[in-house]
N, C-alpha and C. Protein backbone atom coordinates (compact mmCIF):
# COMPACT_ATOMS: atom_id res chain seq x y z
N UNK A 1 123.53 81.76 -139.12
CA UNK A 1 124.52 81.52 -138.11
C UNK A 1 124.41 80.12 -137.54
N UNK A 2 124.07 79.17 -138.35
CA UNK A 2 124.00 77.76 -137.96
C UNK A 2 123.04 77.51 -136.81
N UNK A 3 122.04 78.36 -136.63
CA UNK A 3 121.05 78.15 -135.59
C UNK A 3 121.56 78.44 -134.19
N UNK A 4 122.66 79.18 -134.07
CA UNK A 4 123.20 79.52 -132.76
C UNK A 4 123.02 81.01 -132.51
N UNK A 5 122.94 81.40 -131.24
CA UNK A 5 122.88 82.84 -130.93
C UNK A 5 124.16 83.54 -131.36
N UNK A 6 124.05 84.82 -131.65
CA UNK A 6 125.19 85.59 -132.13
C UNK A 6 126.34 85.57 -131.12
N UNK A 7 126.02 85.62 -129.83
CA UNK A 7 127.08 85.60 -128.81
C UNK A 7 127.87 84.30 -128.87
N UNK A 8 127.20 83.19 -129.11
CA UNK A 8 127.87 81.90 -129.20
C UNK A 8 128.78 81.84 -130.42
N UNK A 9 128.34 82.43 -131.51
CA UNK A 9 129.16 82.46 -132.72
C UNK A 9 130.43 83.28 -132.47
N UNK A 10 130.30 84.40 -131.78
CA UNK A 10 131.48 85.21 -131.46
C UNK A 10 132.43 84.47 -130.53
N UNK A 11 131.91 83.79 -129.53
CA UNK A 11 132.76 83.02 -128.62
C UNK A 11 133.49 81.93 -129.37
N UNK A 12 132.80 81.27 -130.27
CA UNK A 12 133.41 80.22 -131.08
C UNK A 12 134.51 80.78 -131.98
N UNK A 13 134.25 81.91 -132.60
CA UNK A 13 135.25 82.53 -133.47
C UNK A 13 136.50 82.94 -132.68
N UNK A 14 136.29 83.51 -131.51
CA UNK A 14 137.43 83.90 -130.67
C UNK A 14 138.20 82.68 -130.20
N UNK A 15 137.49 81.61 -129.85
CA UNK A 15 138.16 80.37 -129.41
C UNK A 15 139.00 79.78 -130.53
N UNK A 16 138.46 79.75 -131.74
CA UNK A 16 139.23 79.21 -132.86
C UNK A 16 140.45 80.06 -133.16
N UNK A 17 140.29 81.37 -133.10
CA UNK A 17 141.43 82.27 -133.32
C UNK A 17 142.48 82.09 -132.22
N UNK A 18 142.04 82.02 -130.99
CA UNK A 18 142.96 81.83 -129.86
C UNK A 18 143.70 80.50 -129.98
N UNK A 19 143.01 79.45 -130.38
CA UNK A 19 143.66 78.15 -130.53
C UNK A 19 144.75 78.20 -131.58
N UNK A 20 144.47 78.84 -132.70
CA UNK A 20 145.48 78.95 -133.76
C UNK A 20 146.69 79.75 -133.33
N UNK A 21 146.44 80.87 -132.65
CA UNK A 21 147.54 81.70 -132.17
C UNK A 21 148.37 80.94 -131.15
N UNK A 22 147.70 80.22 -130.24
CA UNK A 22 148.43 79.46 -129.23
C UNK A 22 149.26 78.34 -129.84
N UNK A 23 148.72 77.67 -130.84
CA UNK A 23 149.48 76.59 -131.48
C UNK A 23 150.72 77.13 -132.19
N UNK A 24 150.57 78.25 -132.86
CA UNK A 24 151.73 78.84 -133.55
C UNK A 24 152.74 79.35 -132.53
N UNK A 25 152.26 80.07 -131.51
CA UNK A 25 153.17 80.60 -130.48
C UNK A 25 153.83 79.46 -129.72
N UNK A 26 153.09 78.40 -129.47
CA UNK A 26 153.65 77.25 -128.76
C UNK A 26 154.74 76.55 -129.54
N UNK A 27 154.66 76.60 -130.85
CA UNK A 27 155.70 75.97 -131.67
C UNK A 27 157.04 76.67 -131.51
N UNK A 28 157.02 77.95 -131.18
CA UNK A 28 158.25 78.73 -131.05
C UNK A 28 158.55 79.13 -129.61
N UNK A 29 157.68 78.74 -128.68
CA UNK A 29 157.85 79.18 -127.30
C UNK A 29 157.54 78.09 -126.30
N UNK A 30 156.68 78.42 -125.36
CA UNK A 30 156.39 77.52 -124.26
C UNK A 30 155.45 76.40 -124.68
N UNK A 31 155.73 75.23 -124.18
CA UNK A 31 154.95 74.05 -124.52
C UNK A 31 153.51 74.13 -124.03
N UNK A 32 153.29 74.82 -122.92
CA UNK A 32 151.94 74.94 -122.38
C UNK A 32 150.99 75.60 -123.38
N UNK A 33 151.49 76.51 -124.20
CA UNK A 33 150.65 77.15 -125.22
C UNK A 33 150.18 76.13 -126.25
N UNK A 34 151.06 75.21 -126.61
CA UNK A 34 150.68 74.15 -127.55
C UNK A 34 149.58 73.29 -126.96
N UNK A 35 149.76 72.90 -125.72
CA UNK A 35 148.78 72.01 -125.08
C UNK A 35 147.43 72.70 -124.87
N UNK A 36 147.42 73.95 -124.44
CA UNK A 36 146.16 74.67 -124.23
C UNK A 36 145.47 74.92 -125.57
N UNK A 37 146.24 75.29 -126.59
CA UNK A 37 145.66 75.47 -127.91
C UNK A 37 145.04 74.19 -128.44
N UNK A 38 145.71 73.07 -128.21
CA UNK A 38 145.18 71.77 -128.64
C UNK A 38 143.90 71.43 -127.88
N UNK A 39 143.84 71.74 -126.60
CA UNK A 39 142.62 71.48 -125.82
C UNK A 39 141.45 72.31 -126.33
N UNK A 40 141.72 73.54 -126.74
CA UNK A 40 140.65 74.37 -127.32
C UNK A 40 140.17 73.75 -128.63
N UNK A 41 141.09 73.28 -129.46
CA UNK A 41 140.71 72.62 -130.71
C UNK A 41 139.84 71.40 -130.43
N UNK A 42 140.19 70.63 -129.41
CA UNK A 42 139.42 69.43 -129.07
C UNK A 42 137.98 69.80 -128.72
N UNK A 43 137.82 70.80 -127.88
CA UNK A 43 136.47 71.22 -127.45
C UNK A 43 135.66 71.72 -128.64
N UNK A 44 136.28 72.54 -129.48
CA UNK A 44 135.58 73.09 -130.63
C UNK A 44 135.18 71.98 -131.61
N UNK A 45 136.06 71.03 -131.86
CA UNK A 45 135.76 69.96 -132.81
C UNK A 45 134.70 69.00 -132.28
N UNK A 46 134.71 68.72 -130.98
CA UNK A 46 133.65 67.88 -130.41
C UNK A 46 132.30 68.57 -130.60
N UNK A 47 132.27 69.87 -130.37
CA UNK A 47 131.03 70.62 -130.58
C UNK A 47 130.61 70.64 -132.04
N UNK A 48 131.57 70.82 -132.95
CA UNK A 48 131.26 70.86 -134.38
C UNK A 48 130.73 69.51 -134.86
N UNK A 49 131.34 68.45 -134.39
CA UNK A 49 130.89 67.12 -134.78
C UNK A 49 129.48 66.86 -134.24
N UNK A 50 129.29 67.15 -132.96
CA UNK A 50 128.01 66.87 -132.34
C UNK A 50 126.86 67.73 -132.85
N UNK A 51 127.13 69.01 -133.09
CA UNK A 51 126.06 69.93 -133.46
C UNK A 51 125.77 69.99 -134.95
N UNK A 52 126.79 69.73 -135.79
CA UNK A 52 126.62 69.99 -137.21
C UNK A 52 126.89 68.76 -138.08
N UNK A 53 128.04 68.14 -137.93
CA UNK A 53 128.53 67.21 -138.93
C UNK A 53 128.13 65.75 -138.75
N UNK A 54 127.84 65.30 -137.54
CA UNK A 54 127.54 63.88 -137.31
C UNK A 54 126.31 63.43 -138.10
N UNK A 55 125.32 64.28 -138.21
CA UNK A 55 124.09 63.89 -138.92
C UNK A 55 124.31 63.69 -140.41
N UNK A 56 125.43 64.22 -140.94
CA UNK A 56 125.72 64.09 -142.37
C UNK A 56 126.62 62.90 -142.69
N UNK A 57 126.96 62.12 -141.69
CA UNK A 57 127.81 60.95 -141.92
C UNK A 57 129.29 61.31 -141.89
N UNK A 58 130.09 60.44 -142.48
CA UNK A 58 131.54 60.58 -142.42
C UNK A 58 132.11 61.39 -143.58
N UNK A 59 131.59 61.21 -144.77
CA UNK A 59 132.15 61.78 -145.99
C UNK A 59 132.08 63.30 -145.99
N UNK A 60 133.24 63.93 -146.12
CA UNK A 60 133.32 65.39 -146.10
C UNK A 60 132.61 66.00 -147.32
N UNK A 61 132.50 65.28 -148.39
CA UNK A 61 131.82 65.80 -149.59
C UNK A 61 130.32 65.99 -149.35
N UNK A 62 129.78 65.32 -148.35
CA UNK A 62 128.36 65.46 -148.01
C UNK A 62 128.16 66.30 -146.75
N UNK A 63 129.18 67.06 -146.35
CA UNK A 63 129.10 67.86 -145.14
C UNK A 63 129.37 67.04 -143.89
N UNK A 64 130.00 65.90 -144.06
CA UNK A 64 130.25 64.98 -142.95
C UNK A 64 131.40 65.42 -142.06
N UNK A 65 131.79 64.50 -141.18
CA UNK A 65 132.70 64.84 -140.09
C UNK A 65 134.13 64.35 -140.29
N UNK A 66 134.51 63.98 -141.49
CA UNK A 66 135.85 63.46 -141.75
C UNK A 66 136.94 64.45 -141.35
N UNK A 67 136.85 65.69 -141.80
CA UNK A 67 137.87 66.69 -141.49
C UNK A 67 137.88 67.03 -140.01
N UNK A 68 136.69 67.12 -139.40
CA UNK A 68 136.62 67.46 -137.98
C UNK A 68 137.22 66.36 -137.12
N UNK A 69 137.06 65.10 -137.52
CA UNK A 69 137.69 64.01 -136.79
C UNK A 69 139.20 64.10 -136.92
N UNK A 70 139.69 64.45 -138.10
CA UNK A 70 141.14 64.63 -138.29
C UNK A 70 141.65 65.73 -137.37
N UNK A 71 140.95 66.85 -137.29
CA UNK A 71 141.35 67.95 -136.41
C UNK A 71 141.28 67.53 -134.94
N UNK A 72 140.25 66.76 -134.58
CA UNK A 72 140.11 66.28 -133.21
C UNK A 72 141.27 65.37 -132.82
N UNK A 73 141.61 64.43 -133.67
CA UNK A 73 142.72 63.51 -133.39
C UNK A 73 144.05 64.26 -133.34
N UNK A 74 144.23 65.24 -134.21
CA UNK A 74 145.44 66.06 -134.18
C UNK A 74 145.52 66.84 -132.87
N UNK A 75 144.40 67.38 -132.42
CA UNK A 75 144.36 68.08 -131.14
C UNK A 75 144.69 67.16 -129.98
N UNK A 76 144.15 65.94 -130.01
CA UNK A 76 144.47 64.96 -128.97
C UNK A 76 145.95 64.62 -128.95
N UNK A 77 146.52 64.46 -130.14
CA UNK A 77 147.94 64.14 -130.25
C UNK A 77 148.81 65.27 -129.70
N UNK A 78 148.49 66.51 -130.09
CA UNK A 78 149.28 67.65 -129.62
C UNK A 78 149.10 67.89 -128.13
N UNK A 79 147.90 67.64 -127.61
CA UNK A 79 147.68 67.80 -126.18
C UNK A 79 148.49 66.77 -125.39
N UNK A 80 148.61 65.57 -125.94
CA UNK A 80 149.36 64.52 -125.26
C UNK A 80 150.86 64.68 -125.39
N UNK A 81 151.34 65.05 -126.56
CA UNK A 81 152.77 65.09 -126.83
C UNK A 81 153.39 66.48 -126.66
N UNK A 82 152.60 67.52 -126.77
CA UNK A 82 153.14 68.87 -126.65
C UNK A 82 154.11 69.18 -127.79
N UNK A 83 155.19 69.85 -127.47
CA UNK A 83 156.17 70.23 -128.49
C UNK A 83 157.08 69.08 -128.90
N UNK A 84 156.96 67.94 -128.25
CA UNK A 84 157.76 66.77 -128.62
C UNK A 84 157.15 66.00 -129.76
N UNK A 85 156.06 66.52 -130.33
CA UNK A 85 155.34 65.81 -131.39
C UNK A 85 156.15 65.70 -132.66
């Protein structure tokens, strides 16, 4: 479990699921859902980069943080622009 307690893994899984649901629902509904979903993505990706991927460098082929940075920047963009993106 990546060296984390089981409770933390469950919280992370629920957060990722909630972020995805909010982003999809926000695309068809209220803009606040898009922004909150994006903020959850930002928090999760900062944690993923800091705890797991930064030590492996940038290249995703070596377990690096390339994809997580892409997700982080996308989350920042959606949080800033909302449904006007």
